[in-house]
Amino acid sequence: MTAPAERDRLVIMGGRSHPRFVEAIARTLGHPVGATRLRTFSDGAIEVKLDENVRGRDVFMVQSGQERPNDHVMELLFLLDAARRASARSVTAVLPYFPYGKGDKKDEPRVSIRARVVADAIQIAGAGRVLTMDLHAGQIQGFFHVPVDNLYALPVLVGQIQEWVARGVVERPVIVAPDAGAGALVRDYVRRLTGIGAEMAMGDKVRAFHDERSEVAALLGEVRGRDAILADDILFTGGSLANMAHAVAAAGARSVRAVVTHGLFTGDAVSLLGGSPLEEIVVTDTVPLPPAAEADPHICQVSVAPLFAEAIRSIYEETSISRLFA
C-alpha cells in the first residue's frame, strides 16, 4: 500500500466556530475544506466525525474560541482526537483566537490558570503543533510541550494605518496603548510607522473589581492636536476602549480611531463604542463579527486568513515560517 500522493496529503478542516475563516484559508491555498460531520444533541453533548480519510495525512484543524468558548473548545478537542485516532500523520490545532487567553496567571488565591488547562487538553487530545495569533500573554506558549507559532496581526493592521495616512484622514498619528500590557505592542507599531512620524502614548488603566470594568487613571504622552490610534489585542465589552477614547479626546486629540486583533464585541459593546469619540474601529477576522458590529459602518474587518494560509503552507512544506514574523 502506498502513501497518499504528496499533493493530497494536506487536509484543512474546521469546527463550527468560524466556517468562513476555514473557507478563506482553503481558498487562499487553492485546496478544498475537508468534510466533517458535527452535531449537538438535545442535552448539549457534541458529536464529531471526519467524513474523509486522513490516514497518513497532515491535518490542520481550525477552530476559534469566541462567544461560546466552552462548546468550541470541546468541539476542537473531539476533532483533534478523531484525527489522531484516524491515524493522521500529523495534527495541528489552528486557533485564530485562543480561548481563555486572559486566564494566563494566578492573580489571586484559589483560582485556576485556565489557559494552561486549555493548553494541556489540546495536547492530550492529539495536537502535535499549535498555530495561533496574538496571544494575550506570550507566556502561554510555554504552557505547551509542542511547537507553538504565534502569528502577529500587526503587519495587516499597520497596512490599515498607512491607508488612513494615504487617504489624508490621519496626518500626525500617535499610537496609544490602553494600558501597560499593550506597551510592547504599541512600540512595535511605532517602529513600523517611523516613516510617517508616529509617536507613542500610554494609558494607566485600573480595575477596581475583578470583572471587565476599568477606568483610565492617567494618560502618559502627548496627544494634543494629533490623530490618536488606540491599539490592543482583544475587544470584549468595549469599556476599556471607550474610556480610553474619551480620555484621549479630552486631552485634545484631533481624531480617535482604533485597531484591534480580536474583536468579540460582547454585550452592549457596539452601542457603548458608538457613543464614544471613536470614528473608526478596525478588527481582524480571527472571530466572526456579531450582527450588530457587522451592521455598524464605523466597524471594519480586515482578513488575516492569507497570513494563516502562508503559515500552514510553510508548516506543511517544512520551510521556515520566520518570514511571517519579520
Protein backbone atom coordinates (compact mmCIF):
# COMPACT_ATOMS: atom_id res chain seq x y z
CA MET A 1 0.00 0.00 0.00
CA THR A 2 1.39 3.41 -0.94
CA ALA A 3 1.07 6.68 0.95
CA PRO A 4 -1.29 9.35 -0.40
CA ALA A 5 0.17 11.47 -3.21
CA GLU A 6 2.17 14.43 -1.90
CA ARG A 7 -0.33 16.96 -3.21
CA ASP A 8 -3.16 15.11 -1.46
CA ARG A 9 -1.51 14.85 1.94
CA LEU A 10 -2.75 18.25 3.15
CA VAL A 11 -6.11 18.30 4.95
CA ILE A 12 -7.78 21.52 6.14
CA MET A 13 -10.75 21.01 8.43
CA GLY A 14 -12.61 23.08 10.98
CA GLY A 15 -15.29 23.21 13.61
CA ARG A 16 -18.39 25.36 13.70
CA SER A 17 -16.93 28.45 15.41
CA HIS A 18 -15.84 30.27 12.23
CA PRO A 19 -16.52 28.37 8.98
CA ARG A 20 -15.91 31.44 6.80
CA PHE A 21 -12.35 31.66 8.10
CA VAL A 22 -11.73 27.98 7.33
CA GLU A 23 -13.04 28.54 3.81
CA ALA A 24 -10.88 31.66 3.36
CA ILE A 25 -7.73 29.73 4.32
CA ALA A 26 -8.62 26.89 1.96
CA ARG A 27 -9.44 29.32 -0.86
CA THR A 28 -6.07 31.07 -0.45
CA LEU A 29 -4.28 27.72 -0.67
CA GLY A 30 -6.45 26.52 -3.56
CA HIS A 31 -7.41 23.49 -1.51
CA PRO A 32 -10.85 22.09 -0.56
CA VAL A 33 -12.14 22.09 3.01
CA GLY A 34 -12.15 18.59 4.45
CA ALA A 35 -15.55 17.10 5.16
CA THR A 36 -16.70 16.76 8.77
CA ARG A 37 -20.00 15.90 10.41
CA LEU A 38 -20.80 17.76 13.64
CA ARG A 39 -23.98 17.81 15.68
CA THR A 40 -25.19 18.79 19.12
CA PHE A 41 -27.64 16.52 20.91
CA SER A 42 -30.62 17.74 22.94
CA ASP A 43 -28.63 17.50 26.17
CA GLY A 44 -25.86 19.72 24.75
CA ALA A 45 -23.41 16.87 24.08
CA ILE A 46 -21.33 17.21 20.91
CA GLU A 47 -20.55 14.50 18.36
CA VAL A 48 -17.94 14.83 15.60
CA LYS A 49 -16.96 12.60 12.67
CA LEU A 50 -14.36 13.12 9.96
CA ASP A 51 -16.07 12.30 6.69
CA GLU A 52 -12.91 11.61 4.73
CA ASN A 53 -9.78 9.50 5.08
CA VAL A 54 -6.91 11.26 6.92
CA ARG A 55 -4.61 8.26 7.41
CA GLY A 56 -1.02 9.30 6.75
CA ARG A 57 -2.03 12.90 6.05
CA ASP A 58 -1.22 16.28 7.64
CA VAL A 59 -4.37 17.64 9.26
CA PHE A 60 -4.84 21.32 10.15
CA MET A 61 -7.88 21.69 12.41
CA VAL A 62 -9.17 25.29 12.51
CA GLN A 63 -11.33 26.46 15.41
CA SER A 64 -11.67 29.84 17.09
CA GLY A 65 -12.92 30.39 20.63
CA GLN A 66 -15.37 33.28 20.74
CA GLU A 67 -18.95 33.64 22.07
CA ARG A 68 -19.36 30.07 23.41
CA PRO A 69 -15.76 29.09 24.25
CA ASN A 70 -16.77 26.01 26.24
CA ASP A 71 -18.60 24.49 23.26
CA HIS A 72 -15.88 25.50 20.81
CA VAL A 73 -13.07 24.09 22.96
CA MET A 74 -14.82 20.76 23.45
CA GLU A 75 -15.61 20.52 19.75
CA LEU A 76 -11.95 21.19 18.93
CA LEU A 77 -10.77 18.54 21.38
CA PHE A 78 -13.07 15.94 19.84
CA LEU A 79 -11.92 16.87 16.32
CA LEU A 80 -8.26 16.57 17.30
CA ASP A 81 -8.93 13.23 18.97
CA ALA A 82 -10.79 11.97 15.89
CA ALA A 83 -7.88 12.91 13.60
CA ARG A 84 -5.34 11.24 15.86
CA ARG A 85 -7.40 8.05 16.16
CA ALA A 86 -7.84 8.03 12.38
CA SER A 87 -4.02 7.72 12.06
CA ALA A 88 -3.26 11.21 10.72
CA ARG A 89 0.45 11.71 10.02
CA SER A 90 0.38 14.99 11.96
CA VAL A 91 -2.31 17.11 13.62
CA THR A 92 -2.01 20.90 14.00
CA ALA A 93 -4.53 22.86 16.07
CA VAL A 94 -5.15 26.22 14.37
CA LEU A 95 -6.70 28.69 16.81
CA PRO A 96 -7.06 32.17 15.25
CA TYR A 97 -8.30 33.35 18.67
CA PHE A 98 -7.06 31.34 21.66
CA PRO A 99 -9.91 30.88 24.19
CA TYR A 100 -9.27 31.61 27.88
CA GLY A 101 -6.13 33.52 26.92
CA LYS A 102 -6.73 36.02 29.71
CA GLY A 103 -6.52 33.24 32.29
CA ASP A 104 -2.74 33.07 31.98
CA LYS A 105 -1.71 33.52 35.63
CA LYS A 106 -2.75 33.02 39.24
CA ASP A 107 -3.51 36.62 40.19
CA GLU A 108 -5.41 35.82 43.40
CA PRO A 109 -5.68 32.81 45.72
CA ARG A 110 -7.53 29.64 44.74
CA VAL A 111 -8.05 30.41 41.05
CA SER A 112 -7.41 28.23 38.02
CA ILE A 113 -4.81 29.07 35.38
CA ARG A 114 -7.37 28.46 32.69
CA ALA A 115 -5.13 28.98 29.67
CA ARG A 116 -2.82 26.24 31.00
CA VAL A 117 -5.76 23.84 31.38
CA VAL A 118 -6.83 24.50 27.77
CA ALA A 119 -3.24 24.05 26.56
CA ASP A 120 -2.93 20.72 28.37
CA ALA A 121 -6.25 19.50 26.95
CA ILE A 122 -5.31 20.42 23.37
CA GLN A 123 -2.08 18.44 23.61
CA ILE A 124 -3.67 15.43 25.27
CA ALA A 125 -6.41 15.37 22.61
CA GLY A 126 -3.81 14.93 19.88
CA ALA A 127 -2.33 18.23 18.67
CA GLY A 128 1.35 17.94 17.80
CA ARG A 129 1.60 21.63 16.94
CA VAL A 130 -0.38 24.83 17.59
CA LEU A 131 -0.84 27.83 15.28
CA THR A 132 -2.48 30.92 16.73
CA MET A 133 -2.41 34.74 16.62
CA ASP A 134 -1.66 37.50 19.14
CA LEU A 135 -1.87 35.50 22.35
CA HIS A 136 -2.97 37.76 25.20
CA ALA A 137 0.23 36.79 27.04
CA GLY A 138 3.32 35.43 25.31
CA GLN A 139 3.97 33.12 28.26
CA ILE A 140 1.06 30.92 27.11
CA GLN A 141 3.44 29.47 24.52
CA GLY A 142 5.37 28.00 27.44
CA PHE A 143 2.27 26.13 28.61
CA PHE A 144 2.71 23.77 25.65
CA HIS A 145 5.23 20.96 25.18
CA VAL A 146 4.69 21.05 21.41
CA PRO A 147 5.77 23.77 18.93
CA VAL A 148 3.63 26.94 19.01
CA ASP A 149 3.62 29.55 16.23
CA ASN A 150 2.08 32.80 17.48
CA LEU A 151 1.41 34.96 14.41
CA TYR A 152 1.10 38.76 14.59
CA ALA A 153 -1.78 40.76 13.14
CA LEU A 154 0.41 43.87 13.29
CA PRO A 155 1.55 43.80 9.61
CA VAL A 156 -2.07 43.76 8.42
CA LEU A 157 -3.21 46.46 10.85
CA VAL A 158 -0.19 48.65 10.10
CA GLY A 159 -1.32 48.49 6.49
CA GLN A 160 -4.68 49.91 7.58
CA ILE A 161 -2.99 52.83 9.36
CA GLN A 162 -0.89 53.50 6.28
CA GLU A 163 -4.08 53.55 4.23
CA TRP A 164 -5.58 56.17 6.58
CA VAL A 165 -2.44 58.27 6.10
CA ALA A 166 -2.61 57.85 2.32
CA ARG A 167 -6.26 58.97 2.36
CA GLY A 168 -5.34 62.02 4.42
CA VAL A 169 -7.70 61.22 7.33
CA VAL A 170 -4.67 60.68 9.58
CA GLU A 171 -1.71 63.06 9.42
CA ARG A 172 0.21 63.08 12.70
CA PRO A 173 -0.52 59.69 14.27
CA VAL A 174 0.09 58.87 17.89
CA ILE A 175 -0.35 55.18 18.72
CA VAL A 176 -1.95 54.76 22.14
CA ALA A 177 -1.63 51.72 24.41
CA PRO A 178 -4.80 51.40 26.56
CA ASP A 179 -2.63 50.02 29.39
CA ALA A 180 0.95 48.99 30.18
CA GLY A 181 0.25 45.46 28.94
CA ALA A 182 -0.14 46.78 25.39
CA GLY A 183 3.05 48.86 25.62
CA ALA A 184 5.28 46.39 23.76
CA LEU A 185 2.67 46.00 21.00
CA VAL A 186 2.39 49.77 20.52
CA ARG A 187 6.18 50.18 20.40
CA ASP A 188 6.19 47.68 17.52
CA TYR A 189 3.56 49.78 15.73
CA VAL A 190 5.64 52.93 16.17
CA ARG A 191 8.78 51.20 14.86
CA ARG A 192 6.89 50.14 11.73
CA LEU A 193 5.49 53.65 11.24
CA THR A 194 8.64 55.72 11.77
CA GLY A 195 8.46 56.94 8.17
CA ILE A 196 5.28 58.89 8.90
CA GLY A 197 6.38 60.34 12.24
CA ALA A 198 4.27 58.18 14.52
CA GLU A 199 4.76 58.58 18.26
CA MET A 200 3.56 56.65 21.31
CA ALA A 201 1.30 57.34 24.30
CA MET A 202 0.06 55.05 27.06
CA GLY A 203 -2.93 54.91 29.37
CA ASP A 204 -2.84 53.89 33.01
CA LYS A 205 -5.86 51.60 33.34
CA VAL A 206 -7.07 50.33 36.70
CA ARG A 207 -9.70 47.74 37.62
CA ALA A 208 -11.39 48.36 40.95
CA PHE A 209 -13.09 44.96 40.80
CA HIS A 210 -12.23 41.54 39.37
CA ASP A 211 -14.51 41.89 36.36
CA GLU A 212 -14.42 43.52 32.92
CA ARG A 213 -14.90 47.09 34.20
CA SER A 214 -11.98 49.50 34.12
CA GLU A 215 -11.21 53.20 34.29
CA VAL A 216 -8.41 55.41 32.98
CA ALA A 217 -6.33 56.85 35.83
CA ALA A 218 -3.83 58.77 33.69
CA LEU A 219 -2.60 59.31 30.14
CA LEU A 220 1.14 59.37 29.52
CA GLY A 221 2.34 61.07 26.34
CA GLU A 222 1.27 63.99 24.16
CA VAL A 223 -1.85 63.59 22.02
CA ARG A 224 -3.00 67.19 21.65
CA GLY A 225 -3.62 68.14 18.03
CA ARG A 226 -2.67 64.66 16.81
CA ASP A 227 -4.62 61.78 15.32
CA ALA A 228 -4.81 59.11 18.05
CA ILE A 229 -4.96 55.42 17.16
CA LEU A 230 -5.69 53.03 20.01
CA ALA A 231 -4.07 49.61 19.56
CA ASP A 232 -4.95 46.47 21.52
CA ASP A 233 -5.16 42.70 21.15
CA ILE A 234 -8.72 41.95 22.38
CA LEU A 235 -12.01 43.84 22.48
CA PHE A 236 -14.73 42.36 24.70
CA THR A 237 -17.35 44.74 26.13
CA GLY A 238 -15.59 47.79 24.68
CA GLY A 239 -15.46 49.55 28.06
CA SER A 240 -11.68 49.95 28.17
CA LEU A 241 -11.53 51.17 24.58
CA ALA A 242 -14.41 53.62 25.03
CA ASN A 243 -12.93 55.01 28.27
CA MET A 244 -9.53 55.49 26.64
CA ALA A 245 -11.12 57.15 23.61
CA HIS A 246 -12.88 59.65 25.90
CA ALA A 247 -9.61 60.30 27.79
CA VAL A 248 -7.65 60.86 24.58
CA ALA A 249 -10.31 63.16 23.14
CA ALA A 250 -10.42 65.13 26.41
CA ALA A 251 -6.63 65.52 26.17
CA GLY A 252 -7.04 67.31 22.84
CA ALA A 253 -6.61 64.62 20.17
CA ARG A 254 -7.71 65.74 16.71
CA SER A 255 -9.35 62.38 15.99
CA VAL A 256 -9.58 58.94 17.59
CA ARG A 257 -9.52 55.55 15.86
CA ALA A 258 -8.69 52.00 16.96
CA VAL A 259 -7.04 48.85 15.59
CA VAL A 260 -7.66 45.57 17.45
CA THR A 261 -6.77 41.98 16.60
CA HIS A 262 -9.68 40.06 18.15
CA GLY A 263 -13.00 41.92 18.02
CA LEU A 264 -15.52 39.93 20.05
CA PHE A 265 -17.94 42.83 20.73
CA THR A 266 -19.70 41.14 23.64
CA GLY A 267 -22.74 42.52 25.47
CA ASP A 268 -23.54 46.15 24.58
CA ALA A 269 -20.09 46.81 23.13
CA VAL A 270 -21.34 48.19 19.80
CA SER A 271 -23.66 50.77 21.35
CA LEU A 272 -21.09 51.69 24.00
CA LEU A 273 -18.40 52.28 21.41
CA GLY A 274 -20.89 54.10 19.20
CA GLY A 275 -21.30 56.66 21.98
CA SER A 276 -17.55 57.24 22.22
CA PRO A 277 -15.33 59.60 20.17
CA LEU A 278 -14.06 56.67 18.08
CA GLU A 279 -14.52 57.43 14.38
CA GLU A 280 -13.40 54.04 13.07
CA ILE A 281 -12.60 50.64 14.60
CA VAL A 282 -10.70 48.08 12.54
CA VAL A 283 -10.51 44.45 13.70
CA THR A 284 -9.30 41.26 12.04
CA ASP A 285 -11.41 38.25 11.13
CA THR A 286 -9.93 35.86 13.73
CA VAL A 287 -13.51 35.71 15.05
CA PRO A 288 -16.75 36.44 13.16
CA LEU A 289 -18.39 39.79 13.76
CA PRO A 290 -21.70 39.65 15.66
CA PRO A 291 -24.62 41.05 13.62
CA ALA A 292 -24.69 44.42 15.44
CA ALA A 293 -20.99 45.01 14.73
CA GLU A 294 -21.32 43.83 11.13
CA ALA A 295 -24.08 46.38 10.56
CA ASP A 296 -22.16 49.28 12.10
CA PRO A 297 -20.48 51.43 9.39
CA HIS A 298 -17.79 52.56 11.84
CA ILE A 299 -16.54 48.98 12.34
CA CYS A 300 -14.41 47.39 9.63
CA GLN A 301 -12.94 43.88 9.44
CA VAL A 302 -9.72 43.01 7.61
CA SER A 303 -8.63 39.46 6.87
CA VAL A 304 -5.65 37.61 8.32
CA ALA A 305 -6.67 34.35 6.65
CA PRO A 306 -3.93 34.76 3.99
CA LEU A 307 -1.37 35.03 6.81
CA PHE A 308 -2.63 31.78 8.33
CA ALA A 309 -2.66 30.16 4.90
CA GLU A 310 1.01 31.05 4.37
CA ALA A 311 1.88 29.70 7.83
CA ILE A 312 0.05 26.44 7.07
CA ARG A 313 1.87 26.21 3.73
CA SER A 314 5.24 26.62 5.49
CA ILE A 315 4.43 24.05 8.16
CA TYR A 316 3.16 21.58 5.58
CA GLU A 317 6.15 22.07 3.25
CA GLU A 318 8.55 22.12 6.23
CA THR A 319 10.01 25.50 5.27
CA SER A 320 10.85 28.45 7.51
CA ILE A 321 7.94 30.36 8.98
CA SER A 322 10.14 33.18 10.34
CA ARG A 323 9.42 35.46 7.36
CA LEU A 324 5.88 35.89 8.68
CA PHE A 325 7.24 37.40 11.91
CA ALA A 326 9.60 39.87 10.20
